[in-house]
Amino acid sequence: MTKADIVNEISRATGLERAHVLETIEKFMEVVKDALAHDENVYLRGFGSFIVKTRSEKTARNITKNTTIIIPEHKIPAFKPSKAFMQEVK
């Protein structure tokens, strides 16, 4: 399912104009991205959490050059579904 499919489905189900639904979804994604960029987690009760995980520093190998490099500690976005979400998917 694509973003366009989601917009069409919400528009059809609610009777709202497609443009308003698209604007709302775009703004939601922008708010989530901004929050994660500022190390803030986003919790949606009954759905899940958008969280920032910290990956620790590690050593990696380039086998073609036979060298090792250090990958510094870095942060990545992640999604953790709620228990209700998991039960519904199962």
PDB file of N, CA and C in Angstrom:
ATOM      1  N   MET A   1       0.849  -1.170   0.000  1.00  0.00           N
ATOM      2  CA  MET A   1       0.000   0.000   0.000  1.00  0.00           C
ATOM      3  C   MET A   1       0.900   1.242   0.000  1.00  0.00           C
ATOM      4  N   THR A   2       0.605   2.169  -0.856  1.00  0.00           N
ATOM      5  CA  THR A   2       1.391   3.394  -0.966  1.00  0.00           C
ATOM      6  C   THR A   2       0.699   4.537  -0.224  1.00  0.00           C
ATOM      7  N   LYS A   3       1.397   5.667  -0.134  1.00  0.00           N
ATOM      8  CA  LYS A   3       0.806   6.838   0.513  1.00  0.00           C
ATOM      9  C   LYS A   3      -0.448   7.270  -0.242  1.00  0.00           C
ATOM     10  N   ALA A   4      -0.419   7.211  -1.559  1.00  0.00           N
ATOM     11  CA  ALA A   4      -1.590   7.574  -2.359  1.00  0.00           C
ATOM     12  C   ALA A   4      -2.774   6.657  -2.048  1.00  0.00           C
ATOM     13  N   ASP A   5      -2.510   5.370  -1.871  1.00  0.00           N
ATOM     14  CA  ASP A   5      -3.571   4.425  -1.519  1.00  0.00           C
ATOM     15  C   ASP A   5      -4.169   4.764  -0.154  1.00  0.00           C
ATOM     16  N   ILE A   6      -3.318   5.135   0.790  1.00  0.00           N
ATOM     17  CA  ILE A   6      -3.784   5.502   2.129  1.00  0.00           C
ATOM     18  C   ILE A   6      -4.654   6.749   2.050  1.00  0.00           C
ATOM     19  N   VAL A   7      -4.196   7.742   1.307  1.00  0.00           N
ATOM     20  CA  VAL A   7      -4.965   8.983   1.151  1.00  0.00           C
ATOM     21  C   VAL A   7      -6.318   8.681   0.535  1.00  0.00           C
ATOM     22  N   ASN A   8      -6.358   7.877  -0.516  1.00  0.00           N
ATOM     23  CA  ASN A   8      -7.623   7.529  -1.169  1.00  0.00           C
ATOM     24  C   ASN A   8      -8.556   6.784  -0.222  1.00  0.00           C
ATOM     25  N   GLU A   9      -8.029   5.863   0.562  1.00  0.00           N
ATOM     26  CA  GLU A   9      -8.839   5.072   1.485  1.00  0.00           C
ATOM     27  C   GLU A   9      -9.438   5.956   2.581  1.00  0.00           C
ATOM     28  N   ILE A  10      -8.626   6.841   3.161  1.00  0.00           N
ATOM     29  CA  ILE A  10      -9.121   7.735   4.214  1.00  0.00           C
ATOM     30  C   ILE A  10     -10.141   8.713   3.636  1.00  0.00           C
ATOM     31  N   SER A  11      -9.872   9.232   2.459  1.00  0.00           N
ATOM     32  CA  SER A  11     -10.803  10.153   1.813  1.00  0.00           C
ATOM     33  C   SER A  11     -12.146   9.486   1.543  1.00  0.00           C
ATOM     34  N   ARG A  12     -12.093   8.273   1.052  1.00  0.00           N
ATOM     35  CA  ARG A  12     -13.323   7.531   0.763  1.00  0.00           C
ATOM     36  C   ARG A  12     -14.090   7.229   2.054  1.00  0.00           C
ATOM     37  N   ALA A  13     -13.385   6.814   3.118  1.00  0.00           N
ATOM     38  CA  ALA A  13     -14.037   6.414   4.361  1.00  0.00           C
ATOM     39  C   ALA A  13     -14.603   7.594   5.147  1.00  0.00           C
ATOM     40  N   THR A  14     -13.952   8.750   5.072  1.00  0.00           N
ATOM     41  CA  THR A  14     -14.391   9.893   5.871  1.00  0.00           C
ATOM     42  C   THR A  14     -15.206  10.910   5.089  1.00  0.00           C
ATOM     43  N   GLY A  15     -15.102  10.897   3.785  1.00  0.00           N
ATOM     44  CA  GLY A  15     -15.803  11.871   2.968  1.00  0.00           C
ATOM     45  C   GLY A  15     -15.066  13.199   2.865  1.00  0.00           C
ATOM     46  N   LEU A  16     -13.850  13.266   3.420  1.00  0.00           N
ATOM     47  CA  LEU A  16     -13.043  14.478   3.318  1.00  0.00           C
ATOM     48  C   LEU A  16     -12.397  14.564   1.947  1.00  0.00           C
ATOM     49  N   GLU A  17     -12.077  15.798   1.551  1.00  0.00           N
ATOM     50  CA  GLU A  17     -11.416  15.973   0.262  1.00  0.00           C
ATOM     51  C   GLU A  17     -10.028  15.345   0.288  1.00  0.00           C
ATOM     52  N   ARG A  18      -9.651  14.786  -0.839  1.00  0.00           N
ATOM     53  CA  ARG A  18      -8.360  14.103  -0.963  1.00  0.00           C
ATOM     54  C   ARG A  18      -7.196  15.043  -0.643  1.00  0.00           C
ATOM     55  N   ALA A  19      -7.289  16.301  -1.068  1.00  0.00           N
ATOM     56  CA  ALA A  19      -6.213  17.282  -0.835  1.00  0.00           C
ATOM     57  C   ALA A  19      -6.011  17.540   0.658  1.00  0.00           C
ATOM     58  N   HIS A  20      -7.113  17.606   1.418  1.00  0.00           N
ATOM     59  CA  HIS A  20      -7.011  17.839   2.864  1.00  0.00           C
ATOM     60  C   HIS A  20      -6.393  16.630   3.566  1.00  0.00           C
ATOM     61  N   VAL A  21      -6.772  15.455   3.138  1.00  0.00           N
ATOM     62  CA  VAL A  21      -6.214  14.233   3.726  1.00  0.00           C
ATOM     63  C   VAL A  21      -4.718  14.144   3.428  1.00  0.00           C
ATOM     64  N   LEU A  22      -4.330  14.438   2.191  1.00  0.00           N
ATOM     65  CA  LEU A  22      -2.917  14.403   1.813  1.00  0.00           C
ATOM     66  C   LEU A  22      -2.112  15.404   2.641  1.00  0.00           C
ATOM     67  N   GLU A  23      -2.644  16.613   2.805  1.00  0.00           N
ATOM     68  CA  GLU A  23      -1.960  17.646   3.595  1.00  0.00           C
ATOM     69  C   GLU A  23      -1.788  17.196   5.047  1.00  0.00           C
ATOM     70  N   THR A  24      -2.809  16.562   5.606  1.00  0.00           N
ATOM     71  CA  THR A  24      -2.742  16.074   6.981  1.00  0.00           C
ATOM     72  C   THR A  24      -1.699  14.980   7.130  1.00  0.00           C
ATOM     73  N   ILE A  25      -1.673  14.046   6.211  1.00  0.00           N
ATOM     74  CA  ILE A  25      -0.698  12.958   6.272  1.00  0.00           C
ATOM     75  C   ILE A  25       0.718  13.492   6.106  1.00  0.00           C
ATOM     76  N   GLU A  26       0.913  14.425   5.185  1.00  0.00           N
ATOM     77  CA  GLU A  26       2.229  15.035   4.982  1.00  0.00           C
ATOM     78  C   GLU A  26       2.695  15.739   6.249  1.00  0.00           C
ATOM     79  N   LYS A  27       1.794  16.475   6.886  1.00  0.00           N
ATOM     80  CA  LYS A  27       2.145  17.196   8.113  1.00  0.00           C
ATOM     81  C   LYS A  27       2.460  16.217   9.240  1.00  0.00           C
ATOM     82  N   PHE A  28       1.703  15.129   9.348  1.00  0.00           N
ATOM     83  CA  PHE A  28       1.968  14.103  10.358  1.00  0.00           C
ATOM     84  C   PHE A  28       3.379  13.544  10.185  1.00  0.00           C
ATOM     85  N   MET A  29       3.736  13.208   8.955  1.00  0.00           N
ATOM     86  CA  MET A  29       5.064  12.641   8.709  1.00  0.00           C
ATOM     87  C   MET A  29       6.153  13.660   9.027  1.00  0.00           C
ATOM     88  N   GLU A  30       5.907  14.924   8.718  1.00  0.00           N
ATOM     89  CA  GLU A  30       6.875  15.985   9.015  1.00  0.00           C
ATOM     90  C   GLU A  30       7.077  16.131  10.523  1.00  0.00           C
ATOM     91  N   VAL A  31       5.980  16.088  11.282  1.00  0.00           N
ATOM     92  CA  VAL A  31       6.065  16.206  12.738  1.00  0.00           C
ATOM     93  C   VAL A  31       6.836  15.028  13.332  1.00  0.00           C
ATOM     94  N   VAL A  32       6.568  13.825  12.856  1.00  0.00           N
ATOM     95  CA  VAL A  32       7.280  12.645  13.353  1.00  0.00           C
ATOM     96  C   VAL A  32       8.773  12.753  13.031  1.00  0.00           C
ATOM     97  N   LYS A  33       9.120  13.135  11.806  1.00  0.00           N
ATOM     98  CA  LYS A  33      10.530  13.271  11.420  1.00  0.00           C
ATOM     99  C   LYS A  33      11.229  14.332  12.255  1.00  0.00           C
ATOM    100  N   ASP A  34      10.575  15.464  12.468  1.00  0.00           N
ATOM    101  CA  ASP A  34      11.177  16.533  13.269  1.00  0.00           C
ATOM    102  C   ASP A  34      11.397  16.078  14.713  1.00  0.00           C
ATOM    103  N   ALA A  35      10.423  15.388  15.279  1.00  0.00           N
ATOM    104  CA  ALA A  35      10.557  14.904  16.656  1.00  0.00           C
ATOM    105  C   ALA A  35      11.726  13.934  16.770  1.00  0.00           C
ATOM    106  N   LEU A  36      11.826  12.988  15.842  1.00  0.00           N
ATOM    107  CA  LEU A  36      12.913  12.012  15.885  1.00  0.00           C
ATOM    108  C   LEU A  36      14.267  12.684  15.665  1.00  0.00           C
ATOM    109  N   ALA A  37      14.307  13.707  14.817  1.00  0.00           N
ATOM    110  CA  ALA A  37      15.552  14.431  14.573  1.00  0.00           C
ATOM    111  C   ALA A  37      16.030  15.158  15.824  1.00  0.00           C
ATOM    112  N   HIS A  38      15.094  15.498  16.714  1.00  0.00           N
ATOM    113  CA  HIS A  38      15.447  16.170  17.964  1.00  0.00           C
ATOM    114  C   HIS A  38      15.446  15.196  19.147  1.00  0.00           C
ATOM    115  N   ASP A  39      15.662  13.923  18.878  1.00  0.00           N
ATOM    116  CA  ASP A  39      15.750  12.871  19.910  1.00  0.00           C
ATOM    117  C   ASP A  39      14.493  12.724  20.760  1.00  0.00           C
ATOM    118  N   GLU A  40      13.343  13.014  20.198  1.00  0.00           N
ATOM    119  CA  GLU A  40      12.081  12.834  20.903  1.00  0.00           C
ATOM    120  C   GLU A  40      11.354  11.639  20.300  1.00  0.00           C
ATOM    121  N   ASN A  41      10.873  10.749  21.161  1.00  0.00           N
ATOM    122  CA  ASN A  41      10.094   9.615  20.696  1.00  0.00           C
ATOM    123  C   ASN A  41       8.637  10.040  20.497  1.00  0.00           C
ATOM    124  N   VAL A  42       7.931   9.353  19.591  1.00  0.00           N
ATOM    125  CA  VAL A  42       6.520   9.647  19.315  1.00  0.00           C
ATOM    126  C   VAL A  42       5.719   8.398  19.673  1.00  0.00           C
ATOM    127  N   TYR A  43       4.770   8.551  20.604  1.00  0.00           N
ATOM    128  CA  TYR A  43       3.970   7.427  21.082  1.00  0.00           C
ATOM    129  C   TYR A  43       2.538   7.572  20.603  1.00  0.00           C
ATOM    130  N   LEU A  44       2.034   6.575  19.881  1.00  0.00           N
ATOM    131  CA  LEU A  44       0.651   6.549  19.409  1.00  0.00           C
ATOM    132  C   LEU A  44      -0.039   5.360  20.074  1.00  0.00           C
ATOM    133  N   ARG A  45      -0.767   5.643  21.132  1.00  0.00           N
ATOM    134  CA  ARG A  45      -1.407   4.599  21.925  1.00  0.00           C
ATOM    135  C   ARG A  45      -2.294   3.706  21.043  1.00  0.00           C
ATOM    136  N   GLY A  46      -2.108   2.400  21.168  1.00  0.00           N
ATOM    137  CA  GLY A  46      -2.881   1.442  20.386  1.00  0.00           C
ATOM    138  C   GLY A  46      -2.306   1.160  19.012  1.00  0.00           C
ATOM    139  N   PHE A  47      -1.284   1.914  18.611  1.00  0.00           N
ATOM    140  CA  PHE A  47      -0.668   1.716  17.300  1.00  0.00           C
ATOM    141  C   PHE A  47       0.800   1.322  17.437  1.00  0.00           C
ATOM    142  N   GLY A  48       1.581   2.197  18.069  1.00  0.00           N
ATOM    143  CA  GLY A  48       2.991   1.898  18.249  1.00  0.00           C
ATOM    144  C   GLY A  48       3.786   3.143  18.564  1.00  0.00           C
ATOM    145  N   SER A  49       5.102   3.004  18.584  1.00  0.00           N
ATOM    146  CA  SER A  49       5.995   4.102  18.923  1.00  0.00           C
ATOM    147  C   SER A  49       7.064   4.265  17.859  1.00  0.00           C
ATOM    148  N   PHE A  50       7.309   5.501  17.485  1.00  0.00           N
ATOM    149  CA  PHE A  50       8.441   5.833  16.638  1.00  0.00           C
ATOM    150  C   PHE A  50       9.541   6.268  17.597  1.00  0.00           C
ATOM    151  N   ILE A  51      10.649   5.529  17.622  1.00  0.00           N
ATOM    152  CA  ILE A  51      11.693   5.782  18.602  1.00  0.00           C
ATOM    153  C   ILE A  51      13.039   5.984  17.912  1.00  0.00           C
ATOM    154  N   VAL A  52      13.961   6.576  18.667  1.00  0.00           N
ATOM    155  CA  VAL A  52      15.320   6.761  18.198  1.00  0.00           C
ATOM    156  C   VAL A  52      16.196   5.754  18.940  1.00  0.00           C
ATOM    157  N   LYS A  53      16.877   4.902  18.191  1.00  0.00           N
ATOM    158  CA  LYS A  53      17.783   3.916  18.778  1.00  0.00           C
ATOM    159  C   LYS A  53      19.219   4.364  18.553  1.00  0.00           C
ATOM    160  N   THR A  54      20.076   4.053  19.501  1.00  0.00           N
ATOM    161  CA  THR A  54      21.490   4.385  19.374  1.00  0.00           C
ATOM    162  C   THR A  54      22.259   3.100  19.088  1.00  0.00           C
ATOM    163  N   ARG A  55      22.958   3.094  17.986  1.00  0.00           N
ATOM    164  CA  ARG A  55      23.821   1.968  17.637  1.00  0.00           C
ATOM    165  C   ARG A  55      25.219   2.275  18.162  1.00  0.00           C
ATOM    166  N   SER A  56      25.811   1.342  18.880  1.00  0.00           N
ATOM    167  CA  SER A  56      27.122   1.587  19.454  1.00  0.00           C
ATOM    168  C   SER A  56      28.220   1.501  18.391  1.00  0.00           C
ATOM    169  N   GLU A  57      29.371   2.017  18.754  1.00  0.00           N
ATOM    170  CA  GLU A  57      30.522   1.987  17.844  1.00  0.00           C
ATOM    171  C   GLU A  57      30.917   0.536  17.585  1.00  0.00           C
ATOM    172  N   LYS A  58      31.340   0.247  16.355  1.00  0.00           N
ATOM    173  CA  LYS A  58      31.751  -1.114  16.038  1.00  0.00           C
ATOM    174  C   LYS A  58      32.854  -1.102  14.987  1.00  0.00           C
ATOM    175  N   THR A  59      33.542  -2.219  14.905  1.00  0.00           N
ATOM    176  CA  THR A  59      34.608  -2.390  13.931  1.00  0.00           C
ATOM    177  C   THR A  59      34.064  -3.187  12.759  1.00  0.00           C
ATOM    178  N   ALA A  60      34.343  -2.713  11.551  1.00  0.00           N
ATOM    179  CA  ALA A  60      33.904  -3.411  10.343  1.00  0.00           C
ATOM    180  C   ALA A  60      35.123  -3.696   9.478  1.00  0.00           C
ATOM    181  N   ARG A  61      34.987  -4.659   8.580  1.00  0.00           N
ATOM    182  CA  ARG A  61      36.096  -5.018   7.705  1.00  0.00           C
ATOM    183  C   ARG A  61      35.718  -4.819   6.249  1.00  0.00           C
ATOM    184  N   ASN A  62      36.679  -4.283   5.486  1.00  0.00           N
ATOM    185  CA  ASN A  62      36.549  -4.198   4.041  1.00  0.00           C
ATOM    186  C   ASN A  62      37.367  -5.372   3.502  1.00  0.00           C
ATOM    187  N   ILE A  63      36.706  -6.440   3.111  1.00  0.00           N
ATOM    188  CA  ILE A  63      37.435  -7.657   2.739  1.00  0.00           C
ATOM    189  C   ILE A  63      38.164  -7.532   1.405  1.00  0.00           C
ATOM    190  N   THR A  64      37.739  -6.597   0.558  1.00  0.00           N
ATOM    191  CA  THR A  64      38.454  -6.453  -0.715  1.00  0.00           C
ATOM    192  C   THR A  64      39.815  -5.786  -0.521  1.00  0.00           C
ATOM    193  N   LYS A  65      39.907  -4.842   0.418  1.00  0.00           N
ATOM    194  CA  LYS A  65      41.173  -4.164   0.692  1.00  0.00           C
ATOM    195  C   LYS A  65      41.884  -4.737   1.919  1.00  0.00           C
ATOM    196  N   ASN A  66      41.207  -5.664   2.610  1.00  0.00           N
ATOM    197  CA  ASN A  66      41.725  -6.287   3.825  1.00  0.00           C
ATOM    198  C   ASN A  66      42.086  -5.234   4.878  1.00  0.00           C
ATOM    199  N   THR A  67      41.158  -4.299   5.093  1.00  0.00           N
ATOM    200  CA  THR A  67      41.355  -3.269   6.101  1.00  0.00           C
ATOM    201  C   THR A  67      40.171  -3.261   7.057  1.00  0.00           C
ATOM    202  N   THR A  68      40.392  -2.662   8.213  1.00  0.00           N
ATOM    203  CA  THR A  68      39.295  -2.509   9.169  1.00  0.00           C
ATOM    204  C   THR A  68      39.008  -1.017   9.335  1.00  0.00           C
ATOM    205  N   ILE A  69      37.747  -0.725   9.581  1.00  0.00           N
ATOM    206  CA  ILE A  69      37.339   0.652   9.833  1.00  0.00           C
ATOM    207  C   ILE A  69      36.472   0.678  11.079  1.00  0.00           C
ATOM    208  N   ILE A  70      36.439   1.822  11.713  1.00  0.00           N
ATOM    209  CA  ILE A  70      35.584   2.011  12.879  1.00  0.00           C
ATOM    210  C   ILE A  70      34.329   2.748  12.432  1.00  0.00           C
ATOM    211  N   ILE A  71      33.180   2.163  12.715  1.00  0.00           N
ATOM    212  CA  ILE A  71      31.907   2.818  12.450  1.00  0.00           C
ATOM    213  C   ILE A  71      31.498   3.486  13.760  1.00  0.00           C
ATOM    214  N   PRO A  72      31.400   4.807  13.771  1.00  0.00           N
ATOM    215  CA  PRO A  72      31.107   5.501  15.031  1.00  0.00           C
ATOM    216  C   PRO A  72      29.682   5.244  15.512  1.00  0.00           C
ATOM    217  N   GLU A  73      29.470   5.540  16.792  1.00  0.00           N
ATOM    218  CA  GLU A  73      28.135   5.443  17.355  1.00  0.00           C
ATOM    219  C   GLU A  73      27.204   6.369  16.570  1.00  0.00           C
ATOM    220  N   HIS A  74      25.998   5.887  16.271  1.00  0.00           N
ATOM    221  CA  HIS A  74      25.048   6.700  15.520  1.00  0.00           C
ATOM    222  C   HIS A  74      23.621   6.336  15.910  1.00  0.00           C
ATOM    223  N   LYS A  75      22.703   7.199  15.548  1.00  0.00           N
ATOM    224  CA  LYS A  75      21.296   7.007  15.883  1.00  0.00           C
ATOM    225  C   LYS A  75      20.502   6.652  14.640  1.00  0.00           C
ATOM    226  N   ILE A  76      19.493   5.797  14.845  1.00  0.00           N
ATOM    227  CA  ILE A  76      18.630   5.394  13.736  1.00  0.00           C
ATOM    228  C   ILE A  76      17.165   5.469  14.184  1.00  0.00           C
ATOM    229  N   PRO A  77      16.251   5.788  13.281  1.00  0.00           N
ATOM    230  CA  PRO A  77      14.835   5.752  13.631  1.00  0.00           C
ATOM    231  C   PRO A  77      14.331   4.311  13.592  1.00  0.00           C
ATOM    232  N   ALA A  78      13.352   4.023  14.446  1.00  0.00           N
ATOM    233  CA  ALA A  78      12.779   2.674  14.484  1.00  0.00           C
ATOM    234  C   ALA A  78      11.298   2.786  14.842  1.00  0.00           C
ATOM    235  N   PHE A  79      10.545   1.745  14.519  1.00  0.00           N
ATOM    236  CA  PHE A  79       9.126   1.675  14.878  1.00  0.00           C
ATOM    237  C   PHE A  79       8.912   0.441  15.721  1.00  0.00           C
ATOM    238  N   LYS A  80       8.241   0.614  16.850  1.00  0.00           N
ATOM    239  CA  LYS A  80       7.914  -0.512  17.718  1.00  0.00           C
ATOM    240  C   LYS A  80       6.388  -0.598  17.809  1.00  0.00           C
ATOM    241  N   PRO A  81       5.796  -1.629  17.230  1.00  0.00           N
ATOM    242  CA  PRO A  81       4.334  -1.737  17.252  1.00  0.00           C
ATOM    243  C   PRO A  81       3.817  -2.036  18.655  1.00  0.00           C
ATOM    244  N   SER A  82       2.579  -1.601  18.940  1.00  0.00           N
ATOM    245  CA  SER A  82       1.967  -1.868  20.237  1.00  0.00           C
ATOM    246  C   SER A  82       1.521  -3.334  20.304  1.00  0.00           C
ATOM    247  N   LYS A  83       1.215  -3.784  21.513  1.00  0.00           N
ATOM    248  CA  LYS A  83       0.756  -5.172  21.697  1.00  0.00           C
ATOM    249  C   LYS A  83      -0.545  -5.411  20.933  1.00  0.00           C
ATOM    250  N   ALA A  84      -1.456  -4.433  20.960  1.00  0.00           N
ATOM    251  CA  ALA A  84      -2.729  -4.575  20.243  1.00  0.00           C
ATOM    252  C   ALA A  84      -2.482  -4.687  18.750  1.00  0.00           C
ATOM    253  N   PHE A  85      -1.550  -3.902  18.228  1.00  0.00           N
ATOM    254  CA  PHE A  85      -1.179  -3.953  16.813  1.00  0.00           C
ATOM    255  C   PHE A  85      -0.633  -5.340  16.469  1.00  0.00           C
ATOM    256  N   MET A  86       0.268  -5.839  17.309  1.00  0.00           N
ATOM    257  CA  MET A  86       0.877  -7.156  17.076  1.00  0.00           C
ATOM    258  C   MET A  86      -0.170  -8.266  17.085  1.00  0.00           C
ATOM    259  N   GLN A  87      -1.110  -8.194  18.010  1.00  0.00           N
ATOM    260  CA  GLN A  87      -2.151  -9.212  18.087  1.00  0.00           C
ATOM    261  C   GLN A  87      -3.028  -9.207  16.839  1.00  0.00           C
ATOM    262  N   GLU A  88      -3.304  -8.025  16.315  1.00  0.00           N
ATOM    263  CA  GLU A  88      -4.144  -7.926  15.131  1.00  0.00           C
ATOM    264  C   GLU A  88      -3.444  -8.466  13.893  1.00  0.00           C
ATOM    265  N   VAL A  89      -2.129  -8.257  13.809  1.00  0.00           N
ATOM    266  CA  VAL A  89      -1.382  -8.736  12.667  1.00  0.00           C
ATOM    267  C   VAL A  89      -1.232 -10.256  12.703  1.00  0.00           C
ATOM    268  N   LYS A  90      -1.079 -10.784  13.891  1.00  0.00           N
ATOM    269  CA  LYS A  90      -0.942 -12.246  14.030  1.00  0.00           C
ATOM    270  C   LYS A  90      -2.203 -12.903  13.602  1.00  0.00           C
TER     271      LYS A  90
END
